[in-house]
Amino acid sequence: MIGRAPCQFVALNLPSPVSTNDIWRPVKRGNHASMVRTSTYNAWVAEAGYMLNSQHPGIVEGPYALTIKVEWSSGLDIDNCIKATSDLLQAHGVIENDKLAQKITVERAAVKGMTIMVASTREVIASEA
């Protein structure tokens, strides 16, 4: 993982993610079945990870709000893009942990691929206390 400077807000342009339904596939190993990542998902993770790193984002520490805008023509059920996107952000150190999400908004928009905005909610939570 690349060291990232703390910041309040990150904006990224990435390729449309794979659907949650396309992340895993069952594989039989002997008498047991297990799940493995699909080649489609692995290819998206590699491409999106490269694009993410080339944009040099900082890290939004602590609780955050995530906004995802997906290309109209992506064909995705838009709620199925949250898992892959959140996992990518965590794996690349843009967020500390996806369990810290306080709000997630997903919508179709006139974008190429997908745009992501991550904003710290730390001050909002502190001021509500």
C-alpha atoms as a PDB file:
ATOM      1  CA  MET A   1       0.000   0.000   0.000  1.00  0.00           C
ATOM      2  CA  ILE A   2       1.214   3.487  -0.834  1.00  0.00           C
ATOM      3  CA  GLY A   3       1.604   5.966   2.061  1.00  0.00           C
ATOM      4  CA  ARG A   4      -1.072   8.603   1.649  1.00  0.00           C
ATOM      5  CA  ALA A   5      -1.348  12.079   3.158  1.00  0.00           C
ATOM      6  CA  PRO A   6      -4.419  12.638   5.348  1.00  0.00           C
ATOM      7  CA  CYS A   7      -7.088  14.791   3.713  1.00  0.00           C
ATOM      8  CA  GLN A   8     -10.750  15.743   4.108  1.00  0.00           C
ATOM      9  CA  PHE A   9     -11.879  14.859   0.579  1.00  0.00           C
ATOM     10  CA  VAL A  10     -10.869  12.569  -2.296  1.00  0.00           C
ATOM     11  CA  ALA A  11     -12.306  12.559  -5.832  1.00  0.00           C
ATOM     12  CA  LEU A  12     -11.448   9.790  -8.310  1.00  0.00           C
ATOM     13  CA  ASN A  13     -12.326   8.719 -11.842  1.00  0.00           C
ATOM     14  CA  LEU A  14     -12.285   4.956 -12.307  1.00  0.00           C
ATOM     15  CA  PRO A  15     -13.660   2.328 -14.679  1.00  0.00           C
ATOM     16  CA  SER A  16     -17.131   1.004 -13.893  1.00  0.00           C
ATOM     17  CA  PRO A  17     -16.812  -1.789 -11.335  1.00  0.00           C
ATOM     18  CA  VAL A  18     -17.937  -5.348 -11.708  1.00  0.00           C
ATOM     19  CA  SER A  19     -21.179  -6.316 -10.058  1.00  0.00           C
ATOM     20  CA  THR A  20     -21.056  -7.855  -6.585  1.00  0.00           C
ATOM     21  CA  ASN A  21     -22.522 -10.925  -8.307  1.00  0.00           C
ATOM     22  CA  ASP A  22     -19.343 -11.191 -10.432  1.00  0.00           C
ATOM     23  CA  ILE A  23     -16.711 -10.994  -7.670  1.00  0.00           C
ATOM     24  CA  TRP A  24     -16.698 -14.650  -6.583  1.00  0.00           C
ATOM     25  CA  ARG A  25     -17.262 -18.008  -8.201  1.00  0.00           C
ATOM     26  CA  PRO A  26     -17.530 -21.426  -6.550  1.00  0.00           C
ATOM     27  CA  VAL A  27     -14.771 -23.972  -7.072  1.00  0.00           C
ATOM     28  CA  LYS A  28     -14.829 -27.572  -5.935  1.00  0.00           C
ATOM     29  CA  ARG A  29     -11.638 -28.745  -4.240  1.00  0.00           C
ATOM     30  CA  GLY A  30     -11.844 -32.383  -3.319  1.00  0.00           C
ATOM     31  CA  ASN A  31     -14.900 -32.843  -1.124  1.00  0.00           C
ATOM     32  CA  HIS A  32     -15.131 -29.141  -0.331  1.00  0.00           C
ATOM     33  CA  ALA A  33     -16.398 -26.154  -2.238  1.00  0.00           C
ATOM     34  CA  SER A  34     -14.756 -22.782  -1.849  1.00  0.00           C
ATOM     35  CA  MET A  35     -15.072 -19.363  -3.423  1.00  0.00           C
ATOM     36  CA  VAL A  36     -12.378 -17.723  -5.549  1.00  0.00           C
ATOM     37  CA  ARG A  37     -12.173 -14.302  -7.136  1.00  0.00           C
ATOM     38  CA  THR A  38     -13.218 -14.254 -10.778  1.00  0.00           C
ATOM     39  CA  SER A  39     -10.826 -13.284 -13.552  1.00  0.00           C
ATOM     40  CA  THR A  40     -13.204 -10.434 -14.449  1.00  0.00           C
ATOM     41  CA  TYR A  41     -12.949  -9.038 -10.931  1.00  0.00           C
ATOM     42  CA  ASN A  42      -9.167  -9.494 -10.811  1.00  0.00           C
ATOM     43  CA  ALA A  43      -8.820  -7.602 -14.110  1.00  0.00           C
ATOM     44  CA  TRP A  44     -11.007  -4.755 -12.813  1.00  0.00           C
ATOM     45  CA  VAL A  45      -9.032  -4.573  -9.540  1.00  0.00           C
ATOM     46  CA  ALA A  46      -5.762  -4.295 -11.489  1.00  0.00           C
ATOM     47  CA  GLU A  47      -7.031  -1.636 -13.911  1.00  0.00           C
ATOM     48  CA  ALA A  48      -8.903   0.389 -11.290  1.00  0.00           C
ATOM     49  CA  GLY A  49      -5.996   0.144  -8.845  1.00  0.00           C
ATOM     50  CA  TYR A  50      -3.587   1.464 -11.464  1.00  0.00           C
ATOM     51  CA  MET A  51      -5.935   4.346 -12.319  1.00  0.00           C
ATOM     52  CA  LEU A  52      -6.503   5.121  -8.631  1.00  0.00           C
ATOM     53  CA  ASN A  53      -2.765   5.273  -7.877  1.00  0.00           C
ATOM     54  CA  SER A  54      -2.085   7.454 -10.931  1.00  0.00           C
ATOM     55  CA  GLN A  55      -4.419  10.097  -9.427  1.00  0.00           C
ATOM     56  CA  HIS A  56      -2.352  10.251  -6.184  1.00  0.00           C
ATOM     57  CA  PRO A  57      -5.235  10.522  -3.710  1.00  0.00           C
ATOM     58  CA  GLY A  58      -4.728  11.096   0.000  1.00  0.00           C
ATOM     59  CA  ILE A  59      -6.375   9.100   2.773  1.00  0.00           C
ATOM     60  CA  VAL A  60      -9.655  10.064   4.390  1.00  0.00           C
ATOM     61  CA  GLU A  61      -9.143   8.917   7.963  1.00  0.00           C
ATOM     62  CA  GLY A  62     -11.985   7.816  10.214  1.00  0.00           C
ATOM     63  CA  PRO A  63     -15.689   7.971   9.344  1.00  0.00           C
ATOM     64  CA  TYR A  64     -16.596   9.066   5.831  1.00  0.00           C
ATOM     65  CA  ALA A  65     -19.372   9.580   3.294  1.00  0.00           C
ATOM     66  CA  LEU A  66     -19.009   7.885  -0.099  1.00  0.00           C
ATOM     67  CA  THR A  67     -20.678   9.086  -3.298  1.00  0.00           C
ATOM     68  CA  ILE A  68     -20.491   6.874  -6.378  1.00  0.00           C
ATOM     69  CA  LYS A  69     -21.683   8.037  -9.787  1.00  0.00           C
ATOM     70  CA  VAL A  70     -21.908   5.304 -12.419  1.00  0.00           C
ATOM     71  CA  GLU A  71     -22.032   5.710 -16.181  1.00  0.00           C
ATOM     72  CA  TRP A  72     -25.572   5.518 -17.577  1.00  0.00           C
ATOM     73  CA  SER A  73     -24.664   2.782 -20.046  1.00  0.00           C
ATOM     74  CA  SER A  74     -22.840   0.553 -17.534  1.00  0.00           C
ATOM     75  CA  GLY A  75     -25.756  -1.881 -17.268  1.00  0.00           C
ATOM     76  CA  LEU A  76     -25.046  -2.385 -13.553  1.00  0.00           C
ATOM     77  CA  ASP A  77     -27.612  -2.660 -10.820  1.00  0.00           C
ATOM     78  CA  ILE A  78     -26.142   0.386  -9.155  1.00  0.00           C
ATOM     79  CA  ASP A  79     -26.367  -1.032  -5.627  1.00  0.00           C
ATOM     80  CA  ASN A  80     -24.098  -3.885  -6.780  1.00  0.00           C
ATOM     81  CA  CYS A  81     -21.114  -1.562  -7.316  1.00  0.00           C
ATOM     82  CA  ILE A  82     -20.667  -0.627  -3.649  1.00  0.00           C
ATOM     83  CA  LYS A  83     -18.733  -3.701  -2.436  1.00  0.00           C
ATOM     84  CA  ALA A  84     -16.077  -3.764  -5.153  1.00  0.00           C
ATOM     85  CA  THR A  85     -15.569  -0.005  -4.912  1.00  0.00           C
ATOM     86  CA  SER A  86     -15.306   0.035  -1.106  1.00  0.00           C
ATOM     87  CA  ASP A  87     -12.902  -2.907  -1.092  1.00  0.00           C
ATOM     88  CA  LEU A  88     -10.694  -1.177  -3.688  1.00  0.00           C
ATOM     89  CA  LEU A  89     -10.590   2.058  -1.661  1.00  0.00           C
ATOM     90  CA  GLN A  90      -9.605   0.131   1.469  1.00  0.00           C
ATOM     91  CA  ALA A  91      -7.016  -2.051  -0.274  1.00  0.00           C
ATOM     92  CA  HIS A  92      -5.299   1.052  -1.677  1.00  0.00           C
ATOM     93  CA  GLY A  93      -5.384   3.007   1.584  1.00  0.00           C
ATOM     94  CA  VAL A  94      -7.807   5.741   0.494  1.00  0.00           C
ATOM     95  CA  ILE A  95     -10.001   4.815   3.468  1.00  0.00           C
ATOM     96  CA  GLU A  96      -8.923   3.023   6.622  1.00  0.00           C
ATOM     97  CA  ASN A  97     -11.763   0.524   6.728  1.00  0.00           C
ATOM     98  CA  ASP A  98     -15.012   0.285   4.782  1.00  0.00           C
ATOM     99  CA  LYS A  99     -16.918  -0.356   8.023  1.00  0.00           C
ATOM    100  CA  LEU A 100     -16.342   3.340   8.820  1.00  0.00           C
ATOM    101  CA  ALA A 101     -18.777   4.426   6.079  1.00  0.00           C
ATOM    102  CA  GLN A 102     -21.459   6.676   7.560  1.00  0.00           C
ATOM    103  CA  LYS A 103     -23.355   7.347   4.336  1.00  0.00           C
ATOM    104  CA  ILE A 104     -23.212   5.877   0.832  1.00  0.00           C
ATOM    105  CA  THR A 105     -24.948   7.436  -2.165  1.00  0.00           C
ATOM    106  CA  VAL A 106     -25.016   5.727  -5.554  1.00  0.00           C
ATOM    107  CA  GLU A 107     -26.535   7.207  -8.700  1.00  0.00           C
ATOM    108  CA  ARG A 108     -26.393   7.042 -12.465  1.00  0.00           C
ATOM    109  CA  ALA A 109     -24.835  10.087 -14.085  1.00  0.00           C
ATOM    110  CA  ALA A 110     -23.313  11.473 -17.267  1.00  0.00           C
ATOM    111  CA  VAL A 111     -19.808  10.255 -16.406  1.00  0.00           C
ATOM    112  CA  LYS A 112     -17.319   7.976 -18.139  1.00  0.00           C
ATOM    113  CA  GLY A 113     -16.924   4.832 -16.063  1.00  0.00           C
ATOM    114  CA  MET A 114     -17.404   5.897 -12.477  1.00  0.00           C
ATOM    115  CA  THR A 115     -16.627   8.905 -10.307  1.00  0.00           C
ATOM    116  CA  ILE A 116     -16.064   8.498  -6.600  1.00  0.00           C
ATOM    117  CA  MET A 117     -16.079  11.113  -3.889  1.00  0.00           C
ATOM    118  CA  VAL A 118     -14.997  10.293  -0.342  1.00  0.00           C
ATOM    119  CA  ALA A 119     -15.482  12.984   2.288  1.00  0.00           C
ATOM    120  CA  SER A 120     -14.554  12.892   5.941  1.00  0.00           C
ATOM    121  CA  THR A 121     -17.512  13.080   8.324  1.00  0.00           C
ATOM    122  CA  ARG A 122     -15.305  13.255  11.425  1.00  0.00           C
ATOM    123  CA  GLU A 123     -16.090  16.940  12.156  1.00  0.00           C
ATOM    124  CA  VAL A 124     -19.811  16.454  11.544  1.00  0.00           C
ATOM    125  CA  ILE A 125     -19.976  13.600  14.064  1.00  0.00           C
ATOM    126  CA  ALA A 126     -17.872  15.515  16.612  1.00  0.00           C
ATOM    127  CA  SER A 127     -20.091  18.608  16.342  1.00  0.00           C
ATOM    128  CA  GLU A 128     -23.297  16.573  16.770  1.00  0.00           C
ATOM    129  CA  ALA A 129     -22.097  15.162  20.100  1.00  0.00           C
END
